Amino acid sequence: MKSIRETLTAIGLGRIANQVESAVKQSALLVATDRSEDATTRLGGMPNLPSEIEWPRWKGKPLAFVAQIDLAALPIIENLCLPRNGALFFFYDGESGGFQPGDRGSFCVFYSAAPLTQFRPRPFPSDLPSELYFTGLQLIVGSPELSLPGWEDTVVNEAGLSAEERHAYSDFREQWIGLGTGQV
C-alpha cells in the first residue's frame, strides 16, 4: 500500500504532502453497536456520573448527555494526552441548533478518576426535554488508526487549494478512510 505522501503526489497534491503528513494523528476508532445502559464506553443513555459532578446546565437549561468513555479501555496511543484510567463525560446543548460564537458554555466535558463501574446511572433532569434522552449504544473500541485532517483543519484551509484540488483531496481522504490503513 502506498504512503500518504506517495498517494497525494500521484493525484497531483504533492505540494501539500508535508503539511498533511504533519497533521496526521493516531486516533481510537469507536464503533456504535448494541443498545446498552451498562457502565461502559457508550453514546447516550443515562450517564454513570459521579454524585459530586452536578448535571451541567447552560442558560438555565440542562445539557443533553452525549457519551461517556472508559479511558482504561482505550488503546495506548502515542502523544494522546489523556489519563490511562477514569472516565470522560460529554454533554451538549441539543436545542440551539449548532455552535455559534459566544456559545462556550453550550457543551462540556467532565473527567472522573474513578471507573464508570463505581457509579449507578444518573436519571435525566426532569426539565430535560425527552427528545434529548438519547438511546444508549455501546461503543466498541478499535485499534488505533490514522486520522487525516478534514476541511475544518487549518492545514487544509491554508493550503490554497483550487476547486479541483479540493475535490481530489476529498476523494483521497474518503478512499484512505475506507481502506482503514494505518500507514504513514
N, C-alpha and C. Protein backbone atom coordinates (compact mmCIF):
# COMPACT_ATOMS: atom_id res chain seq x y z
N MET A 1 0.84 -1.18 0.00
CA MET A 1 0.00 0.00 0.00
C MET A 1 0.89 1.25 0.00
N LYS A 2 0.48 2.24 -0.76
CA LYS A 2 1.24 3.48 -0.85
C LYS A 2 1.10 4.30 0.43
N SER A 3 2.10 5.13 0.69
CA SER A 3 2.04 6.05 1.82
C SER A 3 1.15 7.24 1.48
N ILE A 4 0.84 8.03 2.48
CA ILE A 4 0.07 9.26 2.26
C ILE A 4 0.78 10.15 1.25
N ARG A 5 2.07 10.33 1.44
CA ARG A 5 2.87 11.18 0.55
C ARG A 5 2.81 10.67 -0.89
N GLU A 6 3.03 9.37 -1.08
CA GLU A 6 3.01 8.80 -2.42
C GLU A 6 1.64 8.95 -3.07
N THR A 7 0.61 8.73 -2.30
CA THR A 7 -0.75 8.83 -2.83
C THR A 7 -1.09 10.27 -3.20
N LEU A 8 -0.76 11.21 -2.32
CA LEU A 8 -1.02 12.62 -2.64
C LEU A 8 -0.23 13.07 -3.87
N THR A 9 1.00 12.66 -3.98
CA THR A 9 1.83 13.02 -5.13
C THR A 9 1.23 12.44 -6.41
N ALA A 10 0.77 11.20 -6.36
CA ALA A 10 0.21 10.54 -7.54
C ALA A 10 -1.06 11.22 -8.04
N ILE A 11 -1.80 11.90 -7.16
CA ILE A 11 -3.04 12.57 -7.59
C ILE A 11 -2.85 14.08 -7.78
N GLY A 12 -1.59 14.51 -7.81
CA GLY A 12 -1.30 15.92 -8.09
C GLY A 12 -1.33 16.83 -6.89
N LEU A 13 -1.26 16.27 -5.67
CA LEU A 13 -1.30 17.08 -4.46
C LEU A 13 -0.01 16.96 -3.65
N GLY A 14 1.08 16.66 -4.34
CA GLY A 14 2.37 16.52 -3.67
C GLY A 14 2.79 17.77 -2.92
N ARG A 15 2.34 18.94 -3.39
CA ARG A 15 2.75 20.20 -2.75
C ARG A 15 2.22 20.35 -1.32
N ILE A 16 1.17 19.59 -0.97
CA ILE A 16 0.63 19.68 0.40
C ILE A 16 0.95 18.44 1.23
N ALA A 17 1.73 17.52 0.68
CA ALA A 17 2.01 16.26 1.38
C ALA A 17 2.68 16.49 2.73
N ASN A 18 3.66 17.40 2.82
CA ASN A 18 4.32 17.66 4.10
C ASN A 18 3.34 18.16 5.14
N GLN A 19 2.49 19.11 4.76
CA GLN A 19 1.52 19.66 5.71
C GLN A 19 0.51 18.60 6.16
N VAL A 20 0.02 17.80 5.22
CA VAL A 20 -0.97 16.77 5.59
C VAL A 20 -0.31 15.74 6.50
N GLU A 21 0.87 15.27 6.13
CA GLU A 21 1.56 14.28 6.98
C GLU A 21 1.82 14.81 8.38
N SER A 22 2.16 16.09 8.49
CA SER A 22 2.43 16.65 9.82
C SER A 22 1.16 16.77 10.67
N ALA A 23 -0.01 16.80 10.03
CA ALA A 23 -1.27 16.93 10.75
C ALA A 23 -1.93 15.59 11.06
N VAL A 24 -1.40 14.51 10.49
CA VAL A 24 -1.96 13.19 10.74
C VAL A 24 -1.69 12.79 12.19
N LYS A 25 -2.72 12.28 12.84
CA LYS A 25 -2.62 11.85 14.24
C LYS A 25 -3.19 10.44 14.36
N GLN A 26 -2.68 9.70 15.32
CA GLN A 26 -3.31 8.42 15.64
C GLN A 26 -4.57 8.71 16.45
N SER A 27 -5.58 7.91 16.23
CA SER A 27 -6.83 8.06 16.98
C SER A 27 -7.43 6.69 17.24
N ALA A 28 -8.32 6.63 18.20
CA ALA A 28 -9.02 5.39 18.51
C ALA A 28 -10.35 5.39 17.79
N LEU A 29 -10.62 4.34 17.07
CA LEU A 29 -11.89 4.20 16.38
C LEU A 29 -12.92 3.67 17.37
N LEU A 30 -14.05 4.37 17.47
CA LEU A 30 -15.15 3.94 18.34
C LEU A 30 -16.33 3.59 17.44
N VAL A 31 -16.84 2.37 17.57
CA VAL A 31 -17.92 1.91 16.71
C VAL A 31 -19.15 1.60 17.56
N ALA A 32 -20.28 2.25 17.23
CA ALA A 32 -21.53 2.01 17.96
C ALA A 32 -22.07 0.64 17.60
N THR A 33 -22.50 -0.10 18.65
CA THR A 33 -23.03 -1.45 18.43
C THR A 33 -24.42 -1.57 19.04
N ASP A 34 -24.57 -2.45 20.01
CA ASP A 34 -25.88 -2.76 20.58
C ASP A 34 -26.35 -1.73 21.60
N ARG A 35 -27.67 -1.70 21.82
CA ARG A 35 -28.23 -0.87 22.89
C ARG A 35 -27.61 -1.28 24.21
N SER A 36 -27.35 -0.30 25.05
CA SER A 36 -26.74 -0.60 26.33
C SER A 36 -26.97 0.54 27.31
N GLU A 37 -27.14 0.18 28.57
CA GLU A 37 -27.15 1.13 29.67
C GLU A 37 -26.04 0.74 30.65
N ASP A 38 -25.14 -0.15 30.21
CA ASP A 38 -24.05 -0.62 31.07
C ASP A 38 -23.05 0.49 31.36
N ALA A 39 -22.28 0.27 32.42
CA ALA A 39 -21.22 1.21 32.80
C ALA A 39 -20.01 0.93 31.93
N THR A 40 -20.10 1.39 30.68
CA THR A 40 -19.07 1.15 29.68
C THR A 40 -18.98 2.35 28.75
N THR A 41 -18.04 2.31 27.83
CA THR A 41 -17.94 3.36 26.82
C THR A 41 -19.18 3.27 25.95
N ARG A 42 -19.94 4.37 25.87
CA ARG A 42 -21.16 4.36 25.07
C ARG A 42 -21.62 5.76 24.73
N LEU A 43 -22.48 5.81 23.73
CA LEU A 43 -23.22 7.01 23.37
C LEU A 43 -24.53 6.98 24.13
N GLY A 44 -25.00 8.12 24.54
CA GLY A 44 -26.34 8.25 25.11
C GLY A 44 -26.64 7.39 26.31
N GLY A 45 -27.94 7.26 26.58
CA GLY A 45 -28.39 6.59 27.79
C GLY A 45 -28.21 7.52 28.97
N MET A 46 -28.37 6.98 30.16
CA MET A 46 -28.14 7.76 31.38
C MET A 46 -26.67 7.61 31.77
N PRO A 47 -26.00 8.71 32.07
CA PRO A 47 -24.57 8.63 32.39
C PRO A 47 -24.31 8.00 33.75
N ASN A 48 -23.18 7.31 33.86
CA ASN A 48 -22.71 6.79 35.15
C ASN A 48 -21.90 7.91 35.81
N LEU A 49 -22.57 9.02 36.03
CA LEU A 49 -21.96 10.25 36.50
C LEU A 49 -21.76 10.23 38.02
N PRO A 50 -20.54 10.52 38.49
CA PRO A 50 -20.31 10.58 39.94
C PRO A 50 -21.21 11.62 40.60
N SER A 51 -21.62 11.36 41.83
CA SER A 51 -22.54 12.26 42.53
C SER A 51 -21.94 13.65 42.75
N GLU A 52 -20.62 13.76 42.84
CA GLU A 52 -20.01 15.07 43.07
C GLU A 52 -20.02 15.97 41.83
N ILE A 53 -20.38 15.42 40.69
CA ILE A 53 -20.48 16.22 39.47
C ILE A 53 -21.94 16.57 39.25
N GLU A 54 -22.24 17.85 39.26
CA GLU A 54 -23.61 18.30 39.00
C GLU A 54 -23.91 18.18 37.52
N TRP A 55 -25.18 17.87 37.22
CA TRP A 55 -25.59 17.81 35.82
C TRP A 55 -25.39 19.21 35.24
N PRO A 56 -24.66 19.35 34.14
CA PRO A 56 -24.37 20.69 33.61
C PRO A 56 -25.59 21.37 33.00
N ARG A 57 -25.60 22.69 33.15
CA ARG A 57 -26.69 23.50 32.62
C ARG A 57 -26.08 24.66 31.84
N TRP A 58 -26.85 25.17 30.90
CA TRP A 58 -26.43 26.34 30.14
C TRP A 58 -27.67 27.18 29.87
N LYS A 59 -27.55 28.46 30.21
CA LYS A 59 -28.68 29.38 30.09
C LYS A 59 -29.91 28.84 30.83
N GLY A 60 -29.64 28.22 31.99
CA GLY A 60 -30.71 27.74 32.84
C GLY A 60 -31.30 26.39 32.46
N LYS A 61 -30.83 25.78 31.37
CA LYS A 61 -31.39 24.51 30.91
C LYS A 61 -30.34 23.41 30.99
N PRO A 62 -30.77 22.17 31.29
CA PRO A 62 -29.80 21.08 31.35
C PRO A 62 -29.28 20.73 29.96
N LEU A 63 -28.00 20.37 29.91
CA LEU A 63 -27.40 19.93 28.66
C LEU A 63 -27.72 18.45 28.45
N ALA A 64 -27.78 18.04 27.20
CA ALA A 64 -28.02 16.63 26.86
C ALA A 64 -26.74 15.83 27.09
N PHE A 65 -26.91 14.62 27.62
CA PHE A 65 -25.78 13.72 27.78
C PHE A 65 -25.52 13.06 26.43
N VAL A 66 -24.27 13.13 25.96
CA VAL A 66 -23.91 12.61 24.65
C VAL A 66 -23.17 11.28 24.75
N ALA A 67 -22.12 11.21 25.59
CA ALA A 67 -21.31 10.00 25.63
C ALA A 67 -20.48 9.94 26.91
N GLN A 68 -20.03 8.72 27.20
CA GLN A 68 -19.06 8.51 28.27
C GLN A 68 -18.00 7.55 27.73
N ILE A 69 -16.76 7.79 28.13
CA ILE A 69 -15.64 6.97 27.65
C ILE A 69 -14.87 6.44 28.84
N ASP A 70 -14.70 5.12 28.86
CA ASP A 70 -13.87 4.44 29.85
C ASP A 70 -12.43 4.56 29.34
N LEU A 71 -11.65 5.42 29.97
CA LEU A 71 -10.29 5.69 29.49
C LEU A 71 -9.38 4.46 29.55
N ALA A 72 -9.61 3.56 30.50
CA ALA A 72 -8.80 2.35 30.60
C ALA A 72 -9.01 1.43 29.40
N ALA A 73 -10.14 1.57 28.70
CA ALA A 73 -10.44 0.72 27.55
C ALA A 73 -9.80 1.22 26.25
N LEU A 74 -9.28 2.45 26.27
CA LEU A 74 -8.67 2.99 25.05
C LEU A 74 -7.31 2.34 24.82
N PRO A 75 -6.96 2.13 23.55
CA PRO A 75 -5.63 1.60 23.26
C PRO A 75 -4.57 2.65 23.58
N ILE A 76 -3.36 2.20 23.78
CA ILE A 76 -2.26 3.14 24.01
C ILE A 76 -1.95 3.83 22.69
N ILE A 77 -2.06 5.15 22.71
CA ILE A 77 -1.84 5.95 21.51
C ILE A 77 -0.76 6.98 21.83
N GLU A 78 0.28 6.97 21.02
CA GLU A 78 1.39 7.89 21.21
C GLU A 78 0.89 9.34 21.16
N ASN A 79 1.34 10.14 22.10
CA ASN A 79 1.02 11.57 22.20
C ASN A 79 -0.44 11.87 22.53
N LEU A 80 -1.20 10.87 22.97
CA LEU A 80 -2.57 11.13 23.41
C LEU A 80 -2.50 11.57 24.87
N CYS A 81 -2.82 12.81 25.10
CA CYS A 81 -2.65 13.41 26.43
C CYS A 81 -3.91 13.22 27.28
N LEU A 82 -4.21 11.96 27.58
CA LEU A 82 -5.34 11.63 28.45
C LEU A 82 -4.85 10.70 29.54
N PRO A 83 -5.49 10.75 30.71
CA PRO A 83 -5.15 9.78 31.76
C PRO A 83 -5.42 8.36 31.26
N ARG A 84 -4.75 7.38 31.81
CA ARG A 84 -4.93 5.98 31.41
C ARG A 84 -6.08 5.31 32.14
N ASN A 85 -6.69 5.96 33.11
CA ASN A 85 -7.85 5.39 33.78
C ASN A 85 -8.82 6.49 34.15
N GLY A 86 -10.00 6.06 34.56
CA GLY A 86 -11.07 7.02 34.85
C GLY A 86 -12.02 7.10 33.67
N ALA A 87 -12.78 8.19 33.61
CA ALA A 87 -13.80 8.33 32.57
C ALA A 87 -13.98 9.78 32.16
N LEU A 88 -14.42 9.96 30.93
CA LEU A 88 -14.82 11.27 30.41
C LEU A 88 -16.32 11.23 30.14
N PHE A 89 -16.99 12.36 30.41
CA PHE A 89 -18.43 12.51 30.19
C PHE A 89 -18.65 13.73 29.31
N PHE A 90 -19.41 13.57 28.23
CA PHE A 90 -19.62 14.63 27.25
C PHE A 90 -21.09 15.08 27.26
N PHE A 91 -21.28 16.39 27.33
CA PHE A 91 -22.63 16.99 27.34
C PHE A 91 -22.67 18.10 26.30
N TYR A 92 -23.87 18.33 25.74
CA TYR A 92 -24.02 19.34 24.69
C TYR A 92 -25.44 19.89 24.70
N ASP A 93 -25.57 21.16 24.33
CA ASP A 93 -26.88 21.78 24.20
C ASP A 93 -27.52 21.29 22.91
N GLY A 94 -28.47 20.41 23.02
CA GLY A 94 -29.10 19.83 21.84
C GLY A 94 -30.23 20.65 21.28
N GLU A 95 -30.48 21.82 21.83
CA GLU A 95 -31.63 22.61 21.37
C GLU A 95 -31.27 23.81 20.52
N SER A 96 -30.02 24.31 20.61
CA SER A 96 -29.71 25.59 19.95
C SER A 96 -29.45 25.45 18.45
N GLY A 97 -29.18 24.26 17.96
CA GLY A 97 -29.02 24.09 16.52
C GLY A 97 -27.63 24.33 16.00
N GLY A 98 -26.62 24.30 16.81
CA GLY A 98 -25.26 24.43 16.31
C GLY A 98 -24.46 25.43 17.10
N PHE A 99 -23.17 25.27 17.07
CA PHE A 99 -22.27 26.12 17.83
C PHE A 99 -22.11 27.47 17.16
N GLN A 100 -22.26 28.52 17.94
CA GLN A 100 -22.09 29.89 17.47
C GLN A 100 -21.08 30.59 18.38
N PRO A 101 -20.43 31.65 17.88
CA PRO A 101 -19.55 32.42 18.77
C PRO A 101 -20.34 32.85 20.01
N GLY A 102 -19.75 32.72 21.16
CA GLY A 102 -20.41 33.07 22.40
C GLY A 102 -21.13 31.90 23.05
N ASP A 103 -21.11 30.73 22.40
CA ASP A 103 -21.79 29.55 22.93
C ASP A 103 -20.85 28.68 23.76
N ARG A 104 -19.83 29.25 24.31
CA ARG A 104 -18.80 28.49 25.02
C ARG A 104 -19.37 27.57 26.11
N GLY A 105 -20.42 27.93 26.75
CA GLY A 105 -20.99 27.09 27.80
C GLY A 105 -21.99 26.06 27.30
N SER A 106 -22.18 25.96 25.99
CA SER A 106 -23.20 25.07 25.44
C SER A 106 -22.73 23.62 25.34
N PHE A 107 -21.54 23.34 25.79
CA PHE A 107 -21.01 21.98 25.81
C PHE A 107 -20.02 21.88 26.96
N CYS A 108 -19.78 20.67 27.43
CA CYS A 108 -18.75 20.49 28.46
C CYS A 108 -18.33 19.03 28.51
N VAL A 109 -17.13 18.83 29.04
CA VAL A 109 -16.57 17.50 29.25
C VAL A 109 -16.10 17.45 30.70
N PHE A 110 -16.50 16.38 31.40
CA PHE A 110 -16.05 16.17 32.77
C PHE A 110 -15.14 14.96 32.81
N TYR A 111 -14.19 15.00 33.74
CA TYR A 111 -13.30 13.86 33.98
C TYR A 111 -13.52 13.37 35.40
N SER A 112 -13.56 12.06 35.57
CA SER A 112 -13.58 11.44 36.88
C SER A 112 -12.45 10.42 36.90
N ALA A 113 -11.66 10.42 37.98
CA ALA A 113 -10.56 9.46 38.10
C ALA A 113 -11.07 8.06 38.42
N ALA A 114 -12.30 7.96 38.89
CA ALA A 114 -12.88 6.66 39.25
C ALA A 114 -13.43 5.97 38.00
N PRO A 115 -13.44 4.64 38.00
CA PRO A 115 -14.01 3.91 36.86
C PRO A 115 -15.53 4.03 36.81
N LEU A 116 -16.08 3.90 35.61
CA LEU A 116 -17.52 4.01 35.41
C LEU A 116 -18.31 3.03 36.27
N THR A 117 -17.76 1.87 36.52
CA THR A 117 -18.46 0.82 37.27
C THR A 117 -18.74 1.20 38.71
N GLN A 118 -18.12 2.26 39.21
CA GLN A 118 -18.37 2.69 40.59
C GLN A 118 -19.65 3.50 40.74
N PHE A 119 -20.29 3.85 39.63
CA PHE A 119 -21.44 4.76 39.71
C PHE A 119 -22.66 4.19 39.01
N ARG A 120 -23.81 4.40 39.65
CA ARG A 120 -25.08 3.99 39.07
C ARG A 120 -25.47 5.01 38.00
N PRO A 121 -26.31 4.60 37.04
CA PRO A 121 -26.78 5.56 36.04
C PRO A 121 -27.53 6.72 36.70
N ARG A 122 -27.23 7.93 36.30
CA ARG A 122 -27.88 9.14 36.83
C ARG A 122 -29.12 9.42 35.99
N PRO A 123 -30.28 9.52 36.62
CA PRO A 123 -31.50 9.84 35.86
C PRO A 123 -31.38 11.22 35.21
N PHE A 124 -32.12 11.38 34.11
CA PHE A 124 -32.14 12.66 33.41
C PHE A 124 -32.84 13.70 34.29
N PRO A 125 -32.41 14.96 34.23
CA PRO A 125 -33.13 16.01 34.95
C PRO A 125 -34.57 16.11 34.45
N SER A 126 -35.48 16.43 35.35
CA SER A 126 -36.90 16.49 34.98
C SER A 126 -37.20 17.55 33.92
N ASP A 127 -36.34 18.59 33.83
CA ASP A 127 -36.59 19.64 32.84
C ASP A 127 -35.80 19.45 31.54
N LEU A 128 -35.18 18.27 31.36
CA LEU A 128 -34.51 17.97 30.09
C LEU A 128 -35.57 17.45 29.13
N PRO A 129 -35.76 18.09 27.96
CA PRO A 129 -36.77 17.62 27.00
C PRO A 129 -36.53 16.16 26.62
N SER A 130 -37.59 15.39 26.51
CA SER A 130 -37.46 13.94 26.24
C SER A 130 -36.78 13.65 24.91
N GLU A 131 -36.86 14.56 23.94
CA GLU A 131 -36.17 14.33 22.67
C GLU A 131 -34.64 14.37 22.82
N LEU A 132 -34.17 14.79 24.00
CA LEU A 132 -32.72 14.81 24.28
C LEU A 132 -32.32 13.63 25.17
N TYR A 133 -33.21 12.66 25.33
CA TYR A 133 -32.88 11.39 26.00
C TYR A 133 -32.39 10.46 24.90
N PHE A 134 -31.11 10.40 24.67
CA PHE A 134 -30.58 9.59 23.59
C PHE A 134 -30.46 8.13 24.00
N THR A 135 -30.79 7.24 23.10
CA THR A 135 -30.70 5.80 23.35
C THR A 135 -29.25 5.43 23.60
N GLY A 136 -29.02 4.64 24.63
CA GLY A 136 -27.67 4.19 24.93
C GLY A 136 -27.20 3.14 23.94
N LEU A 137 -26.05 3.39 23.32
CA LEU A 137 -25.43 2.45 22.38
C LEU A 137 -23.99 2.21 22.82
N GLN A 138 -23.66 0.95 23.04
CA GLN A 138 -22.29 0.62 23.43
C GLN A 138 -21.33 0.99 22.30
N LEU A 139 -20.18 1.50 22.68
CA LEU A 139 -19.12 1.80 21.72
C LEU A 139 -17.99 0.79 21.90
N ILE A 140 -17.69 0.09 20.83
CA ILE A 140 -16.57 -0.84 20.84
C ILE A 140 -15.33 -0.05 20.42
N VAL A 141 -14.25 -0.22 21.18
CA VAL A 141 -13.01 0.50 20.90
C VAL A 141 -12.14 -0.35 19.99
N GLY A 142 -11.82 0.20 18.82
CA GLY A 142 -10.98 -0.50 17.86
C GLY A 142 -9.52 -0.16 18.04
N SER A 143 -8.71 -0.71 17.16
CA SER A 143 -7.27 -0.45 17.17
C SER A 143 -7.00 0.99 16.74
N PRO A 144 -5.86 1.53 17.15
CA PRO A 144 -5.52 2.89 16.70
C PRO A 144 -5.45 2.96 15.18
N GLU A 145 -5.93 4.07 14.64
CA GLU A 145 -5.88 4.34 13.21
C GLU A 145 -5.38 5.75 12.99
N LEU A 146 -5.04 6.05 11.75
CA LEU A 146 -4.61 7.40 11.41
C LEU A 146 -5.83 8.26 11.14
N SER A 147 -5.79 9.47 11.64
CA SER A 147 -6.85 10.44 11.42
C SER A 147 -6.28 11.55 10.53
N LEU A 148 -6.87 11.70 9.35
CA LEU A 148 -6.40 12.71 8.39
C LEU A 148 -7.13 14.03 8.62
N PRO A 149 -6.46 15.15 8.34
CA PRO A 149 -7.14 16.44 8.52
C PRO A 149 -8.33 16.59 7.58
N GLY A 150 -9.42 17.15 8.13
CA GLY A 150 -10.62 17.42 7.34
C GLY A 150 -10.63 18.87 6.86
N TRP A 151 -11.76 19.29 6.29
CA TRP A 151 -11.87 20.65 5.75
C TRP A 151 -11.73 21.73 6.81
N GLU A 152 -12.15 21.42 8.04
CA GLU A 152 -12.08 22.41 9.10
C GLU A 152 -10.67 22.60 9.62
N ASP A 153 -9.77 21.72 9.25
CA ASP A 153 -8.39 21.78 9.72
C ASP A 153 -7.65 22.94 9.05
N THR A 154 -6.88 23.65 9.83
CA THR A 154 -6.10 24.79 9.34
C THR A 154 -5.18 24.39 8.19
N VAL A 155 -4.59 23.21 8.28
CA VAL A 155 -3.67 22.73 7.24
C VAL A 155 -4.33 22.75 5.87
N VAL A 156 -5.55 22.27 5.79
CA VAL A 156 -6.25 22.21 4.51
C VAL A 156 -6.74 23.60 4.11
N ASN A 157 -7.30 24.34 5.05
CA ASN A 157 -7.81 25.68 4.75
C ASN A 157 -6.73 26.63 4.26
N GLU A 158 -5.54 26.53 4.82
CA GLU A 158 -4.46 27.45 4.46
C GLU A 158 -3.63 26.98 3.27
N ALA A 159 -3.96 25.83 2.70
CA ALA A 159 -3.17 25.29 1.57
C ALA A 159 -3.49 25.99 0.26
N GLY A 160 -4.55 26.78 0.21
CA GLY A 160 -4.90 27.48 -1.02
C GLY A 160 -5.26 26.54 -2.15
N LEU A 161 -6.02 25.50 -1.85
CA LEU A 161 -6.39 24.52 -2.87
C LEU A 161 -7.42 25.08 -3.84
N SER A 162 -7.23 24.76 -5.10
CA SER A 162 -8.24 25.11 -6.11
C SER A 162 -9.44 24.18 -5.91
N ALA A 163 -10.53 24.48 -6.61
CA ALA A 163 -11.73 23.64 -6.51
C ALA A 163 -11.40 22.21 -6.94
N GLU A 164 -10.62 22.06 -7.98
CA GLU A 164 -10.23 20.73 -8.46
C GLU A 164 -9.37 20.00 -7.42
N GLU A 165 -8.45 20.72 -6.78
CA GLU A 165 -7.59 20.12 -5.76
C GLU A 165 -8.41 19.73 -4.52
N ARG A 166 -9.38 20.57 -4.17
CA ARG A 166 -10.24 20.25 -3.02
C ARG A 166 -11.01 18.95 -3.29
N HIS A 167 -11.51 18.82 -4.50
CA HIS A 167 -12.23 17.61 -4.88
C HIS A 167 -11.30 16.39 -4.82
N ALA A 168 -10.08 16.55 -5.34
CA ALA A 168 -9.10 15.45 -5.31
C ALA A 168 -8.76 15.08 -3.87
N TYR A 169 -8.59 16.08 -3.01
CA TYR A 169 -8.27 15.79 -1.60
C TYR A 169 -9.44 15.08 -0.92
N SER A 170 -10.64 15.53 -1.21
CA SER A 170 -11.83 14.90 -0.63
C SER A 170 -11.91 13.43 -1.05
N ASP A 171 -11.69 13.15 -2.33
CA ASP A 171 -11.69 11.76 -2.81
C ASP A 171 -10.60 10.95 -2.14
N PHE A 172 -9.40 11.54 -2.03
CA PHE A 172 -8.27 10.86 -1.38
C PHE A 172 -8.64 10.50 0.06
N ARG A 173 -9.18 11.46 0.80
CA ARG A 173 -9.50 11.24 2.22
C ARG A 173 -10.55 10.15 2.38
N GLU A 174 -11.60 10.18 1.55
CA GLU A 174 -12.64 9.16 1.62
C GLU A 174 -12.07 7.77 1.32
N GLN A 175 -11.22 7.68 0.31
CA GLN A 175 -10.63 6.38 -0.04
C GLN A 175 -9.69 5.90 1.07
N TRP A 176 -8.89 6.81 1.62
CA TRP A 176 -7.95 6.43 2.66
C TRP A 176 -8.69 5.91 3.89
N ILE A 177 -9.74 6.61 4.29
CA ILE A 177 -10.52 6.20 5.46
C ILE A 177 -11.20 4.85 5.16
N GLY A 178 -11.71 4.68 3.96
CA GLY A 178 -12.36 3.43 3.58
C GLY A 178 -11.42 2.24 3.60
N LEU A 179 -10.13 2.49 3.40
CA LEU A 179 -9.15 1.41 3.41
C LEU A 179 -8.80 0.99 4.82
N GLY A 180 -9.03 1.88 5.79
CA GLY A 180 -8.70 1.57 7.18
C GLY A 180 -7.22 1.34 7.37
N THR A 181 -6.41 2.05 6.62
CA THR A 181 -4.97 1.85 6.68
C THR A 181 -4.34 2.56 7.87
N GLY A 182 -3.25 2.04 8.32
CA GLY A 182 -2.53 2.67 9.43
C GLY A 182 -1.16 3.13 9.01
N GLN A 183 -0.91 3.17 7.70
CA GLN A 183 0.41 3.56 7.22
C GLN A 183 0.53 5.07 7.10
N VAL A 184 1.74 5.54 7.29
CA VAL A 184 2.02 6.96 7.08
C VAL A 184 2.98 7.09 5.92
